[in-house]
Full PDB file with SEQRES, HELIX, SHEET, SSBOND, CRYST1, ORIGX, SCALE, CONECT and MASTER records, all heavy atoms in Angstrom:
SEQRES   1 A   31  LEU ARG HIS LYS ARG ASN GLU ASN ALA GLY ALA ASP MET          
SEQRES   2 A   31  HIS GLU GLN LEU LYS TYR PHE THR SER ASN GLU ASN ILE          
SEQRES   3 A   31  GLU GLN HIS LEU ILE                                          
HELIX    1 AA1 ALA A   11  LEU A   17  1                                   7    
HELIX    2 AA2 ILE A   26  LEU A   30  1                                   5    
CRYST1    1.000    1.000    1.000  90.00  90.00  90.00 P 1           1          
ORIGX1      1.000000  0.000000  0.000000        0.00000                         
ORIGX2      0.000000  1.000000  0.000000        0.00000                         
ORIGX3      0.000000  0.000000  1.000000        0.00000                         
SCALE1      1.000000  0.000000  0.000000        0.00000                         
SCALE2      0.000000  1.000000  0.000000        0.00000                         
SCALE3      0.000000  0.000000  1.000000        0.00000                         
ATOM      1  N   LEU A   1     -21.099  46.785  17.935  1.00  0.00           N  
ATOM      2  CA  LEU A   1     -19.674  47.077  17.779  1.00  0.00           C  
ATOM      3  C   LEU A   1     -19.386  48.570  17.959  1.00  0.00           C  
ATOM      4  O   LEU A   1     -18.353  48.946  18.504  1.00  0.00           O  
ATOM      5  CB  LEU A   1     -19.188  46.613  16.408  1.00  0.00           C  
ATOM      6  CG  LEU A   1     -19.061  45.096  16.232  1.00  0.00           C  
ATOM      7  CD1 LEU A   1     -18.819  44.757  14.767  1.00  0.00           C  
ATOM      8  CD2 LEU A   1     -17.933  44.546  17.104  1.00  0.00           C  
ATOM      9  N   ARG A   2     -20.300  49.393  17.521  1.00  0.00           N  
ATOM     10  CA  ARG A   2     -20.107  50.838  17.669  1.00  0.00           C  
ATOM     11  C   ARG A   2     -20.087  51.252  19.139  1.00  0.00           C  
ATOM     12  O   ARG A   2     -19.401  52.193  19.513  1.00  0.00           O  
ATOM     13  CB  ARG A   2     -21.210  51.587  16.921  1.00  0.00           C  
ATOM     14  CG  ARG A   2     -20.987  51.606  15.405  1.00  0.00           C  
ATOM     15  CD  ARG A   2     -22.158  52.179  14.660  1.00  0.00           C  
ATOM     16  NE  ARG A   2     -21.869  52.275  13.220  1.00  0.00           N  
ATOM     17  CZ  ARG A   2     -22.793  52.363  12.284  1.00  0.00           C  
ATOM     18  NH1 ARG A   2     -24.083  52.368  12.611  1.00  0.00           N  
ATOM     19  NH2 ARG A   2     -22.452  52.433  11.022  1.00  0.00           N  
ATOM     20  N   HIS A   3     -20.831  50.513  19.954  1.00  0.00           N  
ATOM     21  CA  HIS A   3     -20.891  50.840  21.379  1.00  0.00           C  
ATOM     22  C   HIS A   3     -19.673  50.319  22.154  1.00  0.00           C  
ATOM     23  O   HIS A   3     -19.329  50.840  23.198  1.00  0.00           O  
ATOM     24  CB  HIS A   3     -22.173  50.269  21.999  1.00  0.00           C  
ATOM     25  CG  HIS A   3     -23.394  51.081  21.712  1.00  0.00           C  
ATOM     26  ND1 HIS A   3     -24.234  50.815  20.643  1.00  0.00           N  
ATOM     27  CD2 HIS A   3     -23.906  52.165  22.328  1.00  0.00           C  
ATOM     28  CE1 HIS A   3     -25.226  51.704  20.622  1.00  0.00           C  
ATOM     29  NE2 HIS A   3     -25.047  52.528  21.637  1.00  0.00           N  
ATOM     30  N   LYS A   4     -19.044  49.281  21.621  1.00  0.00           N  
ATOM     31  CA  LYS A   4     -17.920  48.691  22.347  1.00  0.00           C  
ATOM     32  C   LYS A   4     -16.595  48.889  21.620  1.00  0.00           C  
ATOM     33  O   LYS A   4     -15.624  48.213  21.878  1.00  0.00           O  
ATOM     34  CB  LYS A   4     -18.168  47.198  22.588  1.00  0.00           C  
ATOM     35  CG  LYS A   4     -18.492  46.411  21.343  1.00  0.00           C  
ATOM     36  CD  LYS A   4     -18.972  45.004  21.677  1.00  0.00           C  
ATOM     37  CE  LYS A   4     -17.868  44.121  22.145  1.00  0.00           C  
ATOM     38  NZ  LYS A   4     -18.266  42.711  22.229  1.00  0.00           N  
ATOM     39  N   ARG A   5     -16.570  49.844  20.725  1.00  0.00           N  
ATOM     40  CA  ARG A   5     -15.392  50.074  19.878  1.00  0.00           C  
ATOM     41  C   ARG A   5     -14.122  50.331  20.676  1.00  0.00           C  
ATOM     42  O   ARG A   5     -13.024  49.951  20.286  1.00  0.00           O  
ATOM     43  CB  ARG A   5     -15.678  51.257  18.951  1.00  0.00           C  
ATOM     44  CG  ARG A   5     -14.507  51.633  18.042  1.00  0.00           C  
ATOM     45  CD  ARG A   5     -14.695  51.083  16.658  1.00  0.00           C  
ATOM     46  NE  ARG A   5     -13.533  51.370  15.847  1.00  0.00           N  
ATOM     47  CZ  ARG A   5     -13.452  52.413  15.042  1.00  0.00           C  
ATOM     48  NH1 ARG A   5     -14.444  53.256  14.944  1.00  0.00           N  
ATOM     49  NH2 ARG A   5     -12.371  52.598  14.316  1.00  0.00           N  
ATOM     50  N   ASN A   6     -14.275  51.013  21.806  1.00  0.00           N  
ATOM     51  CA  ASN A   6     -13.093  51.424  22.562  1.00  0.00           C  
ATOM     52  C   ASN A   6     -12.594  50.369  23.539  1.00  0.00           C  
ATOM     53  O   ASN A   6     -11.619  50.609  24.266  1.00  0.00           O  
ATOM     54  CB  ASN A   6     -13.401  52.718  23.332  1.00  0.00           C  
ATOM     55  CG  ASN A   6     -13.656  53.884  22.400  1.00  0.00           C  
ATOM     56  OD1 ASN A   6     -13.045  53.984  21.344  1.00  0.00           O  
ATOM     57  ND2 ASN A   6     -14.588  54.744  22.779  1.00  0.00           N  
ATOM     58  N   GLU A   7     -13.256  49.234  23.582  1.00  0.00           N  
ATOM     59  CA  GLU A   7     -12.807  48.190  24.489  1.00  0.00           C  
ATOM     60  C   GLU A   7     -11.510  47.577  23.965  1.00  0.00           C  
ATOM     61  O   GLU A   7     -11.323  47.385  22.773  1.00  0.00           O  
ATOM     62  CB  GLU A   7     -13.874  47.100  24.627  1.00  0.00           C  
ATOM     63  CG  GLU A   7     -15.125  47.577  25.357  1.00  0.00           C  
ATOM     64  CD  GLU A   7     -16.131  46.474  25.538  1.00  0.00           C  
ATOM     65  OE1 GLU A   7     -15.809  45.332  25.159  1.00  0.00           O  
ATOM     66  OE2 GLU A   7     -17.222  46.758  26.030  1.00  0.00           O  
ATOM     67  N   ASN A   8     -10.628  47.238  24.863  1.00  0.00           N  
ATOM     68  CA  ASN A   8      -9.342  46.665  24.470  1.00  0.00           C  
ATOM     69  C   ASN A   8      -9.330  45.168  24.682  1.00  0.00           C  
ATOM     70  O   ASN A   8      -9.978  44.657  25.604  1.00  0.00           O  
ATOM     71  CB  ASN A   8      -8.204  47.281  25.294  1.00  0.00           C  
ATOM     72  CG  ASN A   8      -8.027  48.754  25.005  1.00  0.00           C  
ATOM     73  OD1 ASN A   8      -8.097  49.175  23.857  1.00  0.00           O  
ATOM     74  ND2 ASN A   8      -7.816  49.536  26.051  1.00  0.00           N  
ATOM     75  N   ALA A   9      -8.592  44.459  23.855  1.00  0.00           N  
ATOM     76  CA  ALA A   9      -8.444  43.019  24.050  1.00  0.00           C  
ATOM     77  C   ALA A   9      -7.639  42.762  25.309  1.00  0.00           C  
ATOM     78  O   ALA A   9      -6.772  43.542  25.684  1.00  0.00           O  
ATOM     79  CB  ALA A   9      -7.733  42.403  22.840  1.00  0.00           C  
ATOM     80  N   GLY A  10      -7.918  41.634  25.981  1.00  0.00           N  
ATOM     81  CA  GLY A  10      -7.244  41.300  27.233  1.00  0.00           C  
ATOM     82  C   GLY A  10      -5.786  40.932  27.017  1.00  0.00           C  
ATOM     83  O   GLY A  10      -5.345  40.612  25.917  1.00  0.00           O  
ATOM     84  N   ALA A  11      -5.017  40.974  28.103  1.00  0.00           N  
ATOM     85  CA  ALA A  11      -3.590  40.666  28.034  1.00  0.00           C  
ATOM     86  C   ALA A  11      -3.347  39.238  27.611  1.00  0.00           C  
ATOM     87  O   ALA A  11      -2.406  38.939  26.880  1.00  0.00           O  
ATOM     88  CB  ALA A  11      -2.943  40.937  29.391  1.00  0.00           C  
ATOM     89  N   ASP A  12      -4.224  38.321  28.053  1.00  0.00           N  
ATOM     90  CA  ASP A  12      -4.051  36.920  27.706  1.00  0.00           C  
ATOM     91  C   ASP A  12      -4.150  36.715  26.198  1.00  0.00           C  
ATOM     92  O   ASP A  12      -3.384  35.961  25.602  1.00  0.00           O  
ATOM     93  CB  ASP A  12      -5.107  36.060  28.403  1.00  0.00           C  
ATOM     94  CG  ASP A  12      -4.850  35.965  29.900  1.00  0.00           C  
ATOM     95  OD1 ASP A  12      -3.716  36.291  30.331  1.00  0.00           O  
ATOM     96  OD2 ASP A  12      -5.778  35.579  30.622  1.00  0.00           O  
ATOM     97  N   MET A  13      -5.104  37.406  25.562  1.00  0.00           N  
ATOM     98  CA  MET A  13      -5.250  37.278  24.119  1.00  0.00           C  
ATOM     99  C   MET A  13      -4.031  37.863  23.416  1.00  0.00           C  
ATOM    100  O   MET A  13      -3.561  37.338  22.423  1.00  0.00           O  
ATOM    101  CB  MET A  13      -6.525  37.994  23.652  1.00  0.00           C  
ATOM    102  CG  MET A  13      -6.739  37.907  22.144  1.00  0.00           C  
ATOM    103  SD  MET A  13      -6.719  36.213  21.510  1.00  0.00           S  
ATOM    104  CE  MET A  13      -8.149  35.544  22.363  1.00  0.00           C  
ATOM    105  N   HIS A  14      -3.495  38.941  23.956  1.00  0.00           N  
ATOM    106  CA  HIS A  14      -2.305  39.547  23.357  1.00  0.00           C  
ATOM    107  C   HIS A  14      -1.148  38.547  23.359  1.00  0.00           C  
ATOM    108  O   HIS A  14      -0.405  38.437  22.378  1.00  0.00           O  
ATOM    109  CB  HIS A  14      -1.913  40.802  24.134  1.00  0.00           C  
ATOM    110  CG  HIS A  14      -0.692  41.481  23.592  1.00  0.00           C  
ATOM    111  ND1 HIS A  14      -0.704  42.220  22.436  1.00  0.00           N  
ATOM    112  CD2 HIS A  14       0.582  41.509  24.046  1.00  0.00           C  
ATOM    113  CE1 HIS A  14       0.505  42.695  22.199  1.00  0.00           C  
ATOM    114  NE2 HIS A  14       1.305  42.275  23.157  1.00  0.00           N  
ATOM    115  N   GLU A  15      -1.011  37.811  24.442  1.00  0.00           N  
ATOM    116  CA  GLU A  15       0.044  36.803  24.517  1.00  0.00           C  
ATOM    117  C   GLU A  15      -0.187  35.696  23.493  1.00  0.00           C  
ATOM    118  O   GLU A  15       0.747  35.210  22.861  1.00  0.00           O  
ATOM    119  CB  GLU A  15       0.092  36.207  25.932  1.00  0.00           C  
ATOM    120  CG  GLU A  15       0.606  37.173  26.980  1.00  0.00           C  
ATOM    121  CD  GLU A  15       2.010  37.659  26.662  1.00  0.00           C  
ATOM    122  OE1 GLU A  15       2.870  36.812  26.318  1.00  0.00           O  
ATOM    123  OE2 GLU A  15       2.255  38.874  26.753  1.00  0.00           O  
ATOM    124  N   GLN A  16      -1.455  35.295  23.332  1.00  0.00           N  
ATOM    125  CA  GLN A  16      -1.767  34.251  22.355  1.00  0.00           C  
ATOM    126  C   GLN A  16      -1.398  34.696  20.943  1.00  0.00           C  
ATOM    127  O   GLN A  16      -0.861  33.926  20.147  1.00  0.00           O  
ATOM    128  CB  GLN A  16      -3.264  33.926  22.386  1.00  0.00           C  
ATOM    129  CG  GLN A  16      -3.680  33.024  23.528  1.00  0.00           C  
ATOM    130  CD  GLN A  16      -5.146  32.701  23.416  1.00  0.00           C  
ATOM    131  OE1 GLN A  16      -5.997  33.550  23.622  1.00  0.00           O  
ATOM    132  NE2 GLN A  16      -5.444  31.472  23.064  1.00  0.00           N  
ATOM    133  N   LEU A  17      -1.678  35.941  20.643  1.00  0.00           N  
ATOM    134  CA  LEU A  17      -1.469  36.439  19.290  1.00  0.00           C  
ATOM    135  C   LEU A  17      -0.001  36.482  18.902  1.00  0.00           C  
ATOM    136  O   LEU A  17       0.330  36.519  17.723  1.00  0.00           O  
ATOM    137  CB  LEU A  17      -2.086  37.832  19.157  1.00  0.00           C  
ATOM    138  CG  LEU A  17      -3.616  37.863  19.199  1.00  0.00           C  
ATOM    139  CD1 LEU A  17      -4.094  39.313  19.231  1.00  0.00           C  
ATOM    140  CD2 LEU A  17      -4.216  37.136  18.010  1.00  0.00           C  
ATOM    141  N   LYS A  18       0.881  36.491  19.877  1.00  0.00           N  
ATOM    142  CA  LYS A  18       2.311  36.504  19.572  1.00  0.00           C  
ATOM    143  C   LYS A  18       2.726  35.248  18.804  1.00  0.00           C  
ATOM    144  O   LYS A  18       3.743  35.243  18.118  1.00  0.00           O  
ATOM    145  CB  LYS A  18       3.118  36.614  20.863  1.00  0.00           C  
ATOM    146  CG  LYS A  18       3.035  37.977  21.519  1.00  0.00           C  
ATOM    147  CD  LYS A  18       3.904  38.026  22.771  1.00  0.00           C  
ATOM    148  CE  LYS A  18       3.841  39.397  23.421  1.00  0.00           C  
ATOM    149  NZ  LYS A  18       4.674  39.472  24.642  1.00  0.00           N  
ATOM    150  N   TYR A  19       1.935  34.188  18.937  1.00  0.00           N  
ATOM    151  CA  TYR A  19       2.277  32.927  18.284  1.00  0.00           C  
ATOM    152  C   TYR A  19       1.622  32.796  16.916  1.00  0.00           C  
ATOM    153  O   TYR A  19       1.693  31.757  16.273  1.00  0.00           O  
ATOM    154  CB  TYR A  19       1.852  31.754  19.173  1.00  0.00           C  
ATOM    155  CG  TYR A  19       2.593  31.739  20.485  1.00  0.00           C  
ATOM    156  CD1 TYR A  19       2.022  32.315  21.616  1.00  0.00           C  
ATOM    157  CD2 TYR A  19       3.865  31.186  20.580  1.00  0.00           C  
ATOM    158  CE1 TYR A  19       2.694  32.324  22.832  1.00  0.00           C  
ATOM    159  CE2 TYR A  19       4.548  31.196  21.790  1.00  0.00           C  
ATOM    160  CZ  TYR A  19       3.959  31.761  22.910  1.00  0.00           C  
ATOM    161  OH  TYR A  19       4.643  31.769  24.093  1.00  0.00           O  
ATOM    162  N   PHE A  20       0.973  33.876  16.495  1.00  0.00           N  
ATOM    163  CA  PHE A  20       0.263  33.850  15.217  1.00  0.00           C  
ATOM    164  C   PHE A  20       1.177  34.388  14.133  1.00  0.00           C  
ATOM    165  O   PHE A  20       1.437  35.578  14.065  1.00  0.00           O  
ATOM    166  CB  PHE A  20      -1.001  34.708  15.341  1.00  0.00           C  
ATOM    167  CG  PHE A  20      -1.984  34.486  14.229  1.00  0.00           C  
ATOM    168  CD1 PHE A  20      -2.389  33.220  13.883  1.00  0.00           C  
ATOM    169  CD2 PHE A  20      -2.514  35.573  13.557  1.00  0.00           C  
ATOM    170  CE1 PHE A  20      -3.319  33.033  12.884  1.00  0.00           C  
ATOM    171  CE2 PHE A  20      -3.445  35.386  12.561  1.00  0.00           C  
ATOM    172  CZ  PHE A  20      -3.845  34.116  12.219  1.00  0.00           C  
ATOM    173  N   THR A  21       1.716  33.529  13.297  1.00  0.00           N  
ATOM    174  CA  THR A  21       2.720  33.953  12.328  1.00  0.00           C  
ATOM    175  C   THR A  21       2.137  34.849  11.248  1.00  0.00           C  
ATOM    176  O   THR A  21       0.939  34.847  10.990  1.00  0.00           O  
ATOM    177  CB  THR A  21       3.356  32.723  11.653  1.00  0.00           C  
ATOM    178  OG1 THR A  21       2.328  31.986  10.988  1.00  0.00           O  
ATOM    179  CG2 THR A  21       4.024  31.827  12.667  1.00  0.00           C  
ATOM    180  N   SER A  22       3.015  35.593  10.576  1.00  0.00           N  
ATOM    181  CA  SER A  22       2.559  36.557   9.579  1.00  0.00           C  
ATOM    182  C   SER A  22       3.154  36.307   8.206  1.00  0.00           C  
ATOM    183  O   SER A  22       3.059  37.144   7.333  1.00  0.00           O  
ATOM    184  CB  SER A  22       2.926  37.977  10.035  1.00  0.00           C  
ATOM    185  OG  SER A  22       4.325  38.105  10.130  1.00  0.00           O  
ATOM    186  N   ASN A  23       3.743  35.155   7.994  1.00  0.00           N  
ATOM    187  CA  ASN A  23       4.418  34.931   6.715  1.00  0.00           C  
ATOM    188  C   ASN A  23       3.531  34.229   5.685  1.00  0.00           C  
ATOM    189  O   ASN A  23       3.992  33.791   4.658  1.00  0.00           O  
ATOM    190  CB  ASN A  23       5.704  34.122   6.917  1.00  0.00           C  
ATOM    191  CG  ASN A  23       5.426  32.806   7.632  1.00  0.00           C  
ATOM    192  OD1 ASN A  23       4.289  32.526   7.960  1.00  0.00           O  
ATOM    193  ND2 ASN A  23       6.467  32.033   7.864  1.00  0.00           N  
ATOM    194  N   GLU A  24       2.227  34.115   5.980  1.00  0.00           N  
ATOM    195  CA  GLU A  24       1.275  33.616   4.993  1.00  0.00           C  
ATOM    196  C   GLU A  24       0.242  34.706   4.774  1.00  0.00           C  
ATOM    197  O   GLU A  24       0.061  35.584   5.613  1.00  0.00           O  
ATOM    198  CB  GLU A  24       0.575  32.350   5.512  1.00  0.00           C  
ATOM    199  CG  GLU A  24       1.513  31.204   5.825  1.00  0.00           C  
ATOM    200  CD  GLU A  24       0.764  30.035   6.453  1.00  0.00           C  
ATOM    201  OE1 GLU A  24      -0.444  29.902   6.189  1.00  0.00           O  
ATOM    202  OE2 GLU A  24       1.381  29.293   7.215  1.00  0.00           O  
ATOM    203  N   ASN A  25      -0.476  34.631   3.677  1.00  0.00           N  
ATOM    204  CA  ASN A  25      -1.491  35.653   3.473  1.00  0.00           C  
ATOM    205  C   ASN A  25      -2.711  35.373   4.343  1.00  0.00           C  
ATOM    206  O   ASN A  25      -2.902  34.280   4.842  1.00  0.00           O  
ATOM    207  CB  ASN A  25      -1.879  35.783   1.982  1.00  0.00           C  
ATOM    208  CG  ASN A  25      -2.490  34.514   1.436  1.00  0.00           C  
ATOM    209  OD1 ASN A  25      -3.328  33.882   2.073  1.00  0.00           O  
ATOM    210  ND2 ASN A  25      -2.080  34.137   0.235  1.00  0.00           N  
ATOM    211  N   ILE A  26      -3.538  36.393   4.515  1.00  0.00           N  
ATOM    212  CA  ILE A  26      -4.648  36.302   5.465  1.00  0.00           C  
ATOM    213  C   ILE A  26      -5.658  35.224   5.064  1.00  0.00           C  
ATOM    214  O   ILE A  26      -6.256  34.567   5.906  1.00  0.00           O  
ATOM    215  CB  ILE A  26      -5.352  37.672   5.600  1.00  0.00           C  
ATOM    216  CG1 ILE A  26      -6.354  37.648   6.765  1.00  0.00           C  
ATOM    217  CG2 ILE A  26      -6.043  38.075   4.313  1.00  0.00           C  
ATOM    218  CD1 ILE A  26      -5.712  37.418   8.099  1.00  0.00           C  
ATOM    219  N   GLU A  27      -5.834  35.023   3.745  1.00  0.00           N  
ATOM    220  CA  GLU A  27      -6.786  34.014   3.295  1.00  0.00           C  
ATOM    221  C   GLU A  27      -6.377  32.618   3.781  1.00  0.00           C  
ATOM    222  O   GLU A  27      -7.219  31.823   4.195  1.00  0.00           O  
ATOM    223  CB  GLU A  27      -6.906  34.027   1.770  1.00  0.00           C  
ATOM    224  CG  GLU A  27      -7.544  35.299   1.212  1.00  0.00           C  
ATOM    225  CD  GLU A  27      -6.556  36.438   1.052  1.00  0.00           C  
ATOM    226  OE1 GLU A  27      -5.378  36.272   1.430  1.00  0.00           O  
ATOM    227  OE2 GLU A  27      -6.963  37.486   0.556  1.00  0.00           O  
ATOM    228  N   GLN A  28      -5.080  32.307   3.737  1.00  0.00           N  
ATOM    229  CA  GLN A  28      -4.609  31.006   4.183  1.00  0.00           C  
ATOM    230  C   GLN A  28      -4.758  30.845   5.694  1.00  0.00           C  
ATOM    231  O   GLN A  28      -5.063  29.755   6.180  1.00  0.00           O  
ATOM    232  CB  GLN A  28      -3.138  30.818   3.783  1.00  0.00           C  
ATOM    233  CG  GLN A  28      -2.943  30.611   2.295  1.00  0.00           C  
ATOM    234  CD  GLN A  28      -3.692  29.391   1.793  1.00  0.00           C  
ATOM    235  OE1 GLN A  28      -3.622  28.322   2.381  1.00  0.00           O  
ATOM    236  NE2 GLN A  28      -4.442  29.560   0.713  1.00  0.00           N  
ATOM    237  N   HIS A  29      -4.583  31.914   6.436  1.00  0.00           N  
ATOM    238  CA  HIS A  29      -4.793  31.844   7.881  1.00  0.00           C  
ATOM    239  C   HIS A  29      -6.231  31.476   8.201  1.00  0.00           C  
ATOM    240  O   HIS A  29      -6.511  30.693   9.115  1.00  0.00           O  
ATOM    241  CB  HIS A  29      -4.479  33.198   8.528  1.00  0.00           C  
ATOM    242  CG  HIS A  29      -3.010  33.426   8.724  1.00  0.00           C  
ATOM    243  ND1 HIS A  29      -2.182  32.509   9.335  1.00  0.00           N  
ATOM    244  CD2 HIS A  29      -2.222  34.484   8.398  1.00  0.00           C  
ATOM    245  CE1 HIS A  29      -0.957  32.993   9.376  1.00  0.00           C  
ATOM    246  NE2 HIS A  29      -0.947  34.184   8.801  1.00  0.00           N  
ATOM    247  N   LEU A  30      -7.157  32.035   7.436  1.00  0.00           N  
ATOM    248  CA  LEU A  30      -8.574  31.805   7.725  1.00  0.00           C  
ATOM    249  C   LEU A  30      -8.972  30.359   7.465  1.00  0.00           C  
ATOM    250  O   LEU A  30      -9.920  29.862   8.075  1.00  0.00           O  
ATOM    251  CB  LEU A  30      -9.436  32.755   6.875  1.00  0.00           C  
ATOM    252  CG  LEU A  30      -9.329  34.227   7.261  1.00  0.00           C  
ATOM    253  CD1 LEU A  30     -10.097  35.077   6.272  1.00  0.00           C  
ATOM    254  CD2 LEU A  30      -9.853  34.453   8.663  1.00  0.00           C  
ATOM    255  N   ILE A  31      -8.280  29.699   6.569  1.00  0.00           N  
ATOM    256  CA  ILE A  31      -8.590  28.303   6.271  1.00  0.00           C  
ATOM    257  C   ILE A  31      -8.255  27.413   7.457  1.00  0.00           C  
ATOM    258  O   ILE A  31      -8.907  26.401   7.706  1.00  0.00           O  
ATOM    259  CB  ILE A  31      -7.817  27.848   5.014  1.00  0.00           C  
ATOM    260  CG1 ILE A  31      -8.353  28.595   3.788  1.00  0.00           C  
ATOM    261  CG2 ILE A  31      -7.931  26.334   4.818  1.00  0.00           C  
ATOM    262  CD1 ILE A  31      -7.549  28.343   2.527  1.00  0.00           C  
TER     263      ILE A  31                                                      
MASTER        0    0    0    2    0    0    0    6  262    1    0    3          
END                                                                             
């Protein structure tokens, strides 16, 4: 991870993340 720290996530993943809601706490998302 230290060697690839500066790599950026792809545009496709960025689009996917837009559908990831934020109105629940992180623990519930992980379930």
